[in-house]
């Protein structure tokens, strides 16, 4: 399935979030891993990827961006 087909399948078989639900989810996901229950997992993944010295990687999304080559390291 394409990404579009997959998301439509999810919406048809689960929940199609309204704008407020999307806003809440986006706010949560932007911070996930920063000073919460996932912090230790983020640190473990950073070590596994040789990124333990990267203080700019604080959240799960930061780590994903780095792994996909989207994070700028100055």
PDB file of N, CA and C in Angstrom:
ATOM      1  N   UNK A   1       0.831  -1.197   0.000  1.00  0.00           N
ATOM      2  CA  UNK A   1       0.000   0.000   0.000  1.00  0.00           C
ATOM      3  C   UNK A   1       0.870   1.253   0.000  1.00  0.00           C
ATOM      4  N   UNK A   2       0.379   2.269  -0.649  1.00  0.00           N
ATOM      5  CA  UNK A   2       1.059   3.562  -0.582  1.00  0.00           C
ATOM      6  C   UNK A   2       0.767   4.180   0.783  1.00  0.00           C
ATOM      7  N   UNK A   3       1.490   5.229   1.133  1.00  0.00           N
ATOM      8  CA  UNK A   3       1.236   5.924   2.400  1.00  0.00           C
ATOM      9  C   UNK A   3      -0.207   6.426   2.459  1.00  0.00           C
ATOM     10  N   UNK A   4      -0.675   6.977   1.366  1.00  0.00           N
ATOM     11  CA  UNK A   4      -2.030   7.516   1.320  1.00  0.00           C
ATOM     12  C   UNK A   4      -3.071   6.414   1.503  1.00  0.00           C
ATOM     13  N   UNK A   5      -2.854   5.271   0.855  1.00  0.00           N
ATOM     14  CA  UNK A   5      -3.780   4.148   0.999  1.00  0.00           C
ATOM     15  C   UNK A   5      -3.771   3.609   2.418  1.00  0.00           C
ATOM     16  N   UNK A   6      -2.593   3.543   3.006  1.00  0.00           N
ATOM     17  CA  UNK A   6      -2.474   3.034   4.369  1.00  0.00           C
ATOM     18  C   UNK A   6      -3.179   3.938   5.365  1.00  0.00           C
ATOM     19  N   UNK A   7      -2.999   5.240   5.249  1.00  0.00           N
ATOM     20  CA  UNK A   7      -3.646   6.152   6.189  1.00  0.00           C
ATOM     21  C   UNK A   7      -5.161   6.116   5.998  1.00  0.00           C
ATOM     22  N   UNK A   8      -5.630   5.992   4.775  1.00  0.00           N
ATOM     23  CA  UNK A   8      -7.071   5.890   4.553  1.00  0.00           C
ATOM     24  C   UNK A   8      -7.621   4.602   5.145  1.00  0.00           C
ATOM     25  N   UNK A   9      -6.864   3.505   5.044  1.00  0.00           N
ATOM     26  CA  UNK A   9      -7.283   2.247   5.659  1.00  0.00           C
ATOM     27  C   UNK A   9      -7.385   2.423   7.171  1.00  0.00           C
ATOM     28  N   UNK A  10      -6.398   3.086   7.762  1.00  0.00           N
ATOM     29  CA  UNK A  10      -6.427   3.328   9.215  1.00  0.00           C
ATOM     30  C   UNK A  10      -7.648   4.155   9.599  1.00  0.00           C
ATOM     31  N   UNK A  11      -7.929   5.194   8.853  1.00  0.00           N
ATOM     32  CA  UNK A  11      -9.092   6.033   9.148  1.00  0.00           C
ATOM     33  C   UNK A  11     -10.395   5.246   8.996  1.00  0.00           C
ATOM     34  N   UNK A  12     -10.468   4.392   7.984  1.00  0.00           N
ATOM     35  CA  UNK A  12     -11.685   3.612   7.747  1.00  0.00           C
ATOM     36  C   UNK A  12     -11.884   2.544   8.818  1.00  0.00           C
ATOM     37  N   UNK A  13     -10.793   2.021   9.380  1.00  0.00           N
ATOM     38  CA  UNK A  13     -10.876   0.927  10.343  1.00  0.00           C
ATOM     39  C   UNK A  13     -10.597   1.364  11.772  1.00  0.00           C
ATOM     40  N   UNK A  14     -10.374   2.617  11.981  1.00  0.00           N
ATOM     41  CA  UNK A  14     -10.070   3.119  13.314  1.00  0.00           C
ATOM     42  C   UNK A  14     -10.688   4.475  13.537  1.00  0.00           C
ATOM     43  N   UNK A  15      -9.857   5.446  13.801  1.00  0.00           N
ATOM     44  CA  UNK A  15     -10.323   6.782  14.137  1.00  0.00           C
ATOM     45  C   UNK A  15      -9.791   7.790  13.133  1.00  0.00           C
ATOM     46  N   UNK A  16     -10.644   8.659  12.663  1.00  0.00           N
ATOM     47  CA  UNK A  16     -10.209   9.794  11.854  1.00  0.00           C
ATOM     48  C   UNK A  16     -10.202  10.983  12.800  1.00  0.00           C
ATOM     49  N   UNK A  17      -9.012  11.400  13.253  1.00  0.00           N
ATOM     50  CA  UNK A  17      -8.952  12.455  14.267  1.00  0.00           C
ATOM     51  C   UNK A  17      -9.462  13.798  13.741  1.00  0.00           C
ATOM     52  N   UNK A  18     -10.141  14.510  14.629  1.00  0.00           N
ATOM     53  CA  UNK A  18     -10.601  15.854  14.285  1.00  0.00           C
ATOM     54  C   UNK A  18      -9.442  16.836  14.504  1.00  0.00           C
ATOM     55  N   UNK A  19      -9.587  18.089  14.121  1.00  0.00           N
ATOM     56  CA  UNK A  19      -8.477  19.042  14.255  1.00  0.00           C
ATOM     57  C   UNK A  19      -7.919  19.156  15.683  1.00  0.00           C
ATOM     58  N   UNK A  20      -8.766  19.133  16.707  1.00  0.00           N
ATOM     59  CA  UNK A  20      -8.271  19.226  18.078  1.00  0.00           C
ATOM     60  C   UNK A  20      -7.482  17.980  18.466  1.00  0.00           C
ATOM     61  N   UNK A  21      -7.937  16.815  18.075  1.00  0.00           N
ATOM     62  CA  UNK A  21      -7.202  15.579  18.358  1.00  0.00           C
ATOM     63  C   UNK A  21      -5.846  15.582  17.657  1.00  0.00           C
ATOM     64  N   UNK A  22      -5.808  16.074  16.424  1.00  0.00           N
ATOM     65  CA  UNK A  22      -4.524  16.163  15.707  1.00  0.00           C
ATOM     66  C   UNK A  22      -3.584  17.125  16.407  1.00  0.00           C
ATOM     67  N   UNK A  23      -4.104  18.244  16.871  1.00  0.00           N
ATOM     68  CA  UNK A  23      -3.280  19.243  17.559  1.00  0.00           C
ATOM     69  C   UNK A  23      -2.694  18.660  18.858  1.00  0.00           C
ATOM     70  N   UNK A  24      -3.517  17.954  19.604  1.00  0.00           N
ATOM     71  CA  UNK A  24      -3.051  17.321  20.846  1.00  0.00           C
ATOM     72  C   UNK A  24      -1.977  16.282  20.537  1.00  0.00           C
ATOM     73  N   UNK A  25      -2.229  15.423  19.536  1.00  0.00           N
ATOM     74  CA  UNK A  25      -1.253  14.388  19.184  1.00  0.00           C
ATOM     75  C   UNK A  25       0.059  15.017  18.716  1.00  0.00           C
ATOM     76  N   UNK A  26      -0.011  16.032  17.875  1.00  0.00           N
ATOM     77  CA  UNK A  26       1.205  16.671  17.383  1.00  0.00           C
ATOM     78  C   UNK A  26       1.998  17.293  18.523  1.00  0.00           C
ATOM     79  N   UNK A  27       1.318  17.929  19.463  1.00  0.00           N
ATOM     80  CA  UNK A  27       2.003  18.508  20.617  1.00  0.00           C
ATOM     81  C   UNK A  27       2.688  17.448  21.456  1.00  0.00           C
ATOM     82  N   UNK A  28       2.009  16.325  21.648  1.00  0.00           N
ATOM     83  CA  UNK A  28       2.598  15.220  22.406  1.00  0.00           C
ATOM     84  C   UNK A  28       3.809  14.648  21.680  1.00  0.00           C
ATOM     85  N   UNK A  29       3.637  14.359  20.387  1.00  0.00           N
ATOM     86  CA  UNK A  29       4.716  13.690  19.654  1.00  0.00           C
ATOM     87  C   UNK A  29       5.953  14.571  19.494  1.00  0.00           C
ATOM     88  N   UNK A  30       5.774  15.894  19.413  1.00  0.00           N
ATOM     89  CA  UNK A  30       6.924  16.798  19.295  1.00  0.00           C
ATOM     90  C   UNK A  30       7.827  16.738  20.520  1.00  0.00           C
ATOM     91  N   UNK A  31       7.267  16.411  21.682  1.00  0.00           N
ATOM     92  CA  UNK A  31       8.025  16.421  22.931  1.00  0.00           C
ATOM     93  C   UNK A  31       8.368  15.034  23.449  1.00  0.00           C
ATOM     94  N   UNK A  32       7.865  13.976  22.823  1.00  0.00           N
ATOM     95  CA  UNK A  32       8.052  12.623  23.327  1.00  0.00           C
ATOM     96  C   UNK A  32       9.536  12.275  23.405  1.00  0.00           C
ATOM     97  N   UNK A  33       9.980  11.927  24.593  1.00  0.00           N
ATOM     98  CA  UNK A  33      11.380  11.593  24.829  1.00  0.00           C
ATOM     99  C   UNK A  33      12.123  12.669  25.583  1.00  0.00           C
ATOM    100  N   UNK A  34      11.551  13.840  25.692  1.00  0.00           N
ATOM    101  CA  UNK A  34      12.192  14.956  26.383  1.00  0.00           C
ATOM    102  C   UNK A  34      11.679  15.004  27.817  1.00  0.00           C
ATOM    103  N   UNK A  35      12.531  14.575  28.739  1.00  0.00           N
ATOM    104  CA  UNK A  35      12.210  14.581  30.168  1.00  0.00           C
ATOM    105  C   UNK A  35      10.930  13.816  30.487  1.00  0.00           C
ATOM    106  N   UNK A  36      10.792  12.613  29.927  1.00  0.00           N
ATOM    107  CA  UNK A  36       9.623  11.798  30.219  1.00  0.00           C
ATOM    108  C   UNK A  36      10.014  10.327  30.261  1.00  0.00           C
ATOM    109  N   UNK A  37       9.018   9.451  30.205  1.00  0.00           N
ATOM    110  CA  UNK A  37       9.250   8.016  30.339  1.00  0.00           C
ATOM    111  C   UNK A  37      10.113   7.438  29.214  1.00  0.00           C
ATOM    112  N   UNK A  38      10.245   8.133  28.101  1.00  0.00           N
ATOM    113  CA  UNK A  38      11.017   7.626  26.960  1.00  0.00           C
ATOM    114  C   UNK A  38      12.444   8.151  26.912  1.00  0.00           C
ATOM    115  N   UNK A  39      12.820   9.020  27.839  1.00  0.00           N
ATOM    116  CA  UNK A  39      14.154   9.629  27.809  1.00  0.00           C
ATOM    117  C   UNK A  39      15.258   8.577  27.809  1.00  0.00           C
ATOM    118  N   UNK A  40      15.152   7.577  28.675  1.00  0.00           N
ATOM    119  CA  UNK A  40      16.207   6.562  28.741  1.00  0.00           C
ATOM    120  C   UNK A  40      16.278   5.753  27.446  1.00  0.00           C
ATOM    121  N   UNK A  41      15.131   5.500  26.820  1.00  0.00           N
ATOM    122  CA  UNK A  41      15.145   4.770  25.552  1.00  0.00           C
ATOM    123  C   UNK A  41      15.813   5.600  24.459  1.00  0.00           C
ATOM    124  N   UNK A  42      15.542   6.892  24.425  1.00  0.00           N
ATOM    125  CA  UNK A  42      16.169   7.773  23.436  1.00  0.00           C
ATOM    126  C   UNK A  42      17.686   7.753  23.635  1.00  0.00           C
ATOM    127  N   UNK A  43      18.133   7.834  24.885  1.00  0.00           N
ATOM    128  CA  UNK A  43      19.575   7.793  25.168  1.00  0.00           C
ATOM    129  C   UNK A  43      20.184   6.465  24.719  1.00  0.00           C
ATOM    130  N   UNK A  44      19.477   5.360  24.942  1.00  0.00           N
ATOM    131  CA  UNK A  44      19.966   4.044  24.509  1.00  0.00           C
ATOM    132  C   UNK A  44      20.082   3.986  22.991  1.00  0.00           C
ATOM    133  N   UNK A  45      19.059   4.464  22.297  1.00  0.00           N
ATOM    134  CA  UNK A  45      19.101   4.465  20.829  1.00  0.00           C
ATOM    135  C   UNK A  45      20.228   5.362  20.316  1.00  0.00           C
ATOM    136  N   UNK A  46      20.449   6.491  20.968  1.00  0.00           N
ATOM    137  CA  UNK A  46      21.546   7.376  20.568  1.00  0.00           C
ATOM    138  C   UNK A  46      22.876   6.656  20.713  1.00  0.00           C
ATOM    139  N   UNK A  47      23.079   5.950  21.836  1.00  0.00           N
ATOM    140  CA  UNK A  47      24.321   5.199  22.038  1.00  0.00           C
ATOM    141  C   UNK A  47      24.498   4.146  20.954  1.00  0.00           C
ATOM    142  N   UNK A  48      23.433   3.431  20.634  1.00  0.00           N
ATOM    143  CA  UNK A  48      23.509   2.391  19.605  1.00  0.00           C
ATOM    144  C   UNK A  48      23.890   2.968  18.246  1.00  0.00           C
ATOM    145  N   UNK A  49      23.492   4.206  17.985  1.00  0.00           N
ATOM    146  CA  UNK A  49      23.792   4.860  16.708  1.00  0.00           C
ATOM    147  C   UNK A  49      25.062   5.705  16.759  1.00  0.00           C
ATOM    148  N   UNK A  50      25.786   5.677  17.909  1.00  0.00           N
ATOM    149  CA  UNK A  50      27.008   6.467  18.037  1.00  0.00           C
ATOM    150  C   UNK A  50      26.749   7.953  18.164  1.00  0.00           C
ATOM    151  N   UNK A  51      25.598   8.323  18.715  1.00  0.00           N
ATOM    152  CA  UNK A  51      25.199   9.725  18.815  1.00  0.00           C
ATOM    153  C   UNK A  51      25.148  10.221  20.254  1.00  0.00           C
ATOM    154  N   UNK A  52      25.786   9.501  21.172  1.00  0.00           N
ATOM    155  CA  UNK A  52      25.669   9.851  22.596  1.00  0.00           C
ATOM    156  C   UNK A  52      26.153  11.251  22.939  1.00  0.00           C
ATOM    157  N   UNK A  53      27.024  11.827  22.124  1.00  0.00           N
ATOM    158  CA  UNK A  53      27.530  13.179  22.398  1.00  0.00           C
ATOM    159  C   UNK A  53      26.642  14.274  21.783  1.00  0.00           C
ATOM    160  N   UNK A  54      25.627  13.886  21.057  1.00  0.00           N
ATOM    161  CA  UNK A  54      24.742  14.845  20.393  1.00  0.00           C
ATOM    162  C   UNK A  54      23.692  15.358  21.371  1.00  0.00           C
ATOM    163  N   UNK A  55      23.965  16.513  21.952  1.00  0.00           N
ATOM    164  CA  UNK A  55      23.051  17.106  22.924  1.00  0.00           C
ATOM    165  C   UNK A  55      21.835  17.748  22.265  1.00  0.00           C
ATOM    166  N   UNK A  56      21.861  17.897  20.943  1.00  0.00           N
ATOM    167  CA  UNK A  56      20.723  18.479  20.243  1.00  0.00           C
ATOM    168  C   UNK A  56      19.616  17.461  19.955  1.00  0.00           C
ATOM    169  N   UNK A  57      19.893  16.190  20.185  1.00  0.00           N
ATOM    170  CA  UNK A  57      18.892  15.151  19.978  1.00  0.00           C
ATOM    171  C   UNK A  57      18.246  14.861  21.328  1.00  0.00           C
ATOM    172  N   UNK A  58      17.033  15.378  21.503  1.00  0.00           N
ATOM    173  CA  UNK A  58      16.337  15.273  22.790  1.00  0.00           C
ATOM    174  C   UNK A  58      15.051  14.469  22.723  1.00  0.00           C
ATOM    175  N   UNK A  59      14.444  14.387  21.561  1.00  0.00           N
ATOM    176  CA  UNK A  59      13.137  13.744  21.440  1.00  0.00           C
ATOM    177  C   UNK A  59      13.189  12.608  20.425  1.00  0.00           C
ATOM    178  N   UNK A  60      12.127  11.814  20.408  1.00  0.00           N
ATOM    179  CA  UNK A  60      12.032  10.734  19.428  1.00  0.00           C
ATOM    180  C   UNK A  60      12.050  11.297  18.007  1.00  0.00           C
ATOM    181  N   UNK A  61      11.354  12.429  17.797  1.00  0.00           N
ATOM    182  CA  UNK A  61      11.348  13.019  16.459  1.00  0.00           C
ATOM    183  C   UNK A  61      12.728  13.544  16.068  1.00  0.00           C
ATOM    184  N   UNK A  62      13.483  14.084  17.021  1.00  0.00           N
ATOM    185  CA  UNK A  62      14.863  14.502  16.729  1.00  0.00           C
ATOM    186  C   UNK A  62      15.682  13.304  16.257  1.00  0.00           C
ATOM    187  N   UNK A  63      15.540  12.183  16.954  1.00  0.00           N
ATOM    188  CA  UNK A  63      16.302  10.990  16.614  1.00  0.00           C
ATOM    189  C   UNK A  63      15.905  10.467  15.232  1.00  0.00           C
ATOM    190  N   UNK A  64      14.620  10.435  14.959  1.00  0.00           N
ATOM    191  CA  UNK A  64      14.152   9.989  13.641  1.00  0.00           C
ATOM    192  C   UNK A  64      14.686  10.916  12.549  1.00  0.00           C
ATOM    193  N   UNK A  65      14.615  12.223  12.786  1.00  0.00           N
ATOM    194  CA  UNK A  65      15.147  13.177  11.803  1.00  0.00           C
ATOM    195  C   UNK A  65      16.629  12.934  11.555  1.00  0.00           C
ATOM    196  N   UNK A  66      17.406  12.685  12.602  1.00  0.00           N
ATOM    197  CA  UNK A  66      18.833  12.407  12.437  1.00  0.00           C
ATOM    198  C   UNK A  66      19.042  11.131  11.633  1.00  0.00           C
ATOM    199  N   UNK A  67      18.315  10.094  11.966  1.00  0.00           N
ATOM    200  CA  UNK A  67      18.457   8.815  11.265  1.00  0.00           C
ATOM    201  C   UNK A  67      18.081   8.931   9.785  1.00  0.00           C
ATOM    202  N   UNK A  68      17.173   9.829   9.476  1.00  0.00           N
ATOM    203  CA  UNK A  68      16.744  10.015   8.081  1.00  0.00           C
ATOM    204  C   UNK A  68      17.539  11.110   7.378  1.00  0.00           C
ATOM    205  N   UNK A  69      18.527  11.684   8.076  1.00  0.00           N
ATOM    206  CA  UNK A  69      19.374  12.699   7.471  1.00  0.00           C
ATOM    207  C   UNK A  69      18.724  14.060   7.365  1.00  0.00           C
ATOM    208  N   UNK A  70      17.710  14.323   8.168  1.00  0.00           N
ATOM    209  CA  UNK A  70      16.980  15.585   8.098  1.00  0.00           C
ATOM    210  C   UNK A  70      17.419  16.593   9.141  1.00  0.00           C
ATOM    211  N   UNK A  71      18.144  16.154  10.166  1.00  0.00           N
ATOM    212  CA  UNK A  71      18.551  17.042  11.250  1.00  0.00           C
ATOM    213  C   UNK A  71      19.869  17.702  10.904  1.00  0.00           C
ATOM    214  N   UNK A  72      19.903  19.022  11.037  1.00  0.00           N
ATOM    215  CA  UNK A  72      21.132  19.781  10.761  1.00  0.00           C
ATOM    216  C   UNK A  72      21.997  19.803  12.014  1.00  0.00           C
ATOM    217  N   UNK A  73      23.235  19.325  11.900  1.00  0.00           N
ATOM    218  CA  UNK A  73      24.179  19.338  13.021  1.00  0.00           C
ATOM    219  C   UNK A  73      25.209  20.406  12.762  1.00  0.00           C
ATOM    220  N   UNK A  74      25.091  21.521  13.467  1.00  0.00           N
ATOM    221  CA  UNK A  74      26.021  22.651  13.269  1.00  0.00           C
ATOM    222  C   UNK A  74      27.333  22.432  13.971  1.00  0.00           C
TER     223      UNK A  74
END
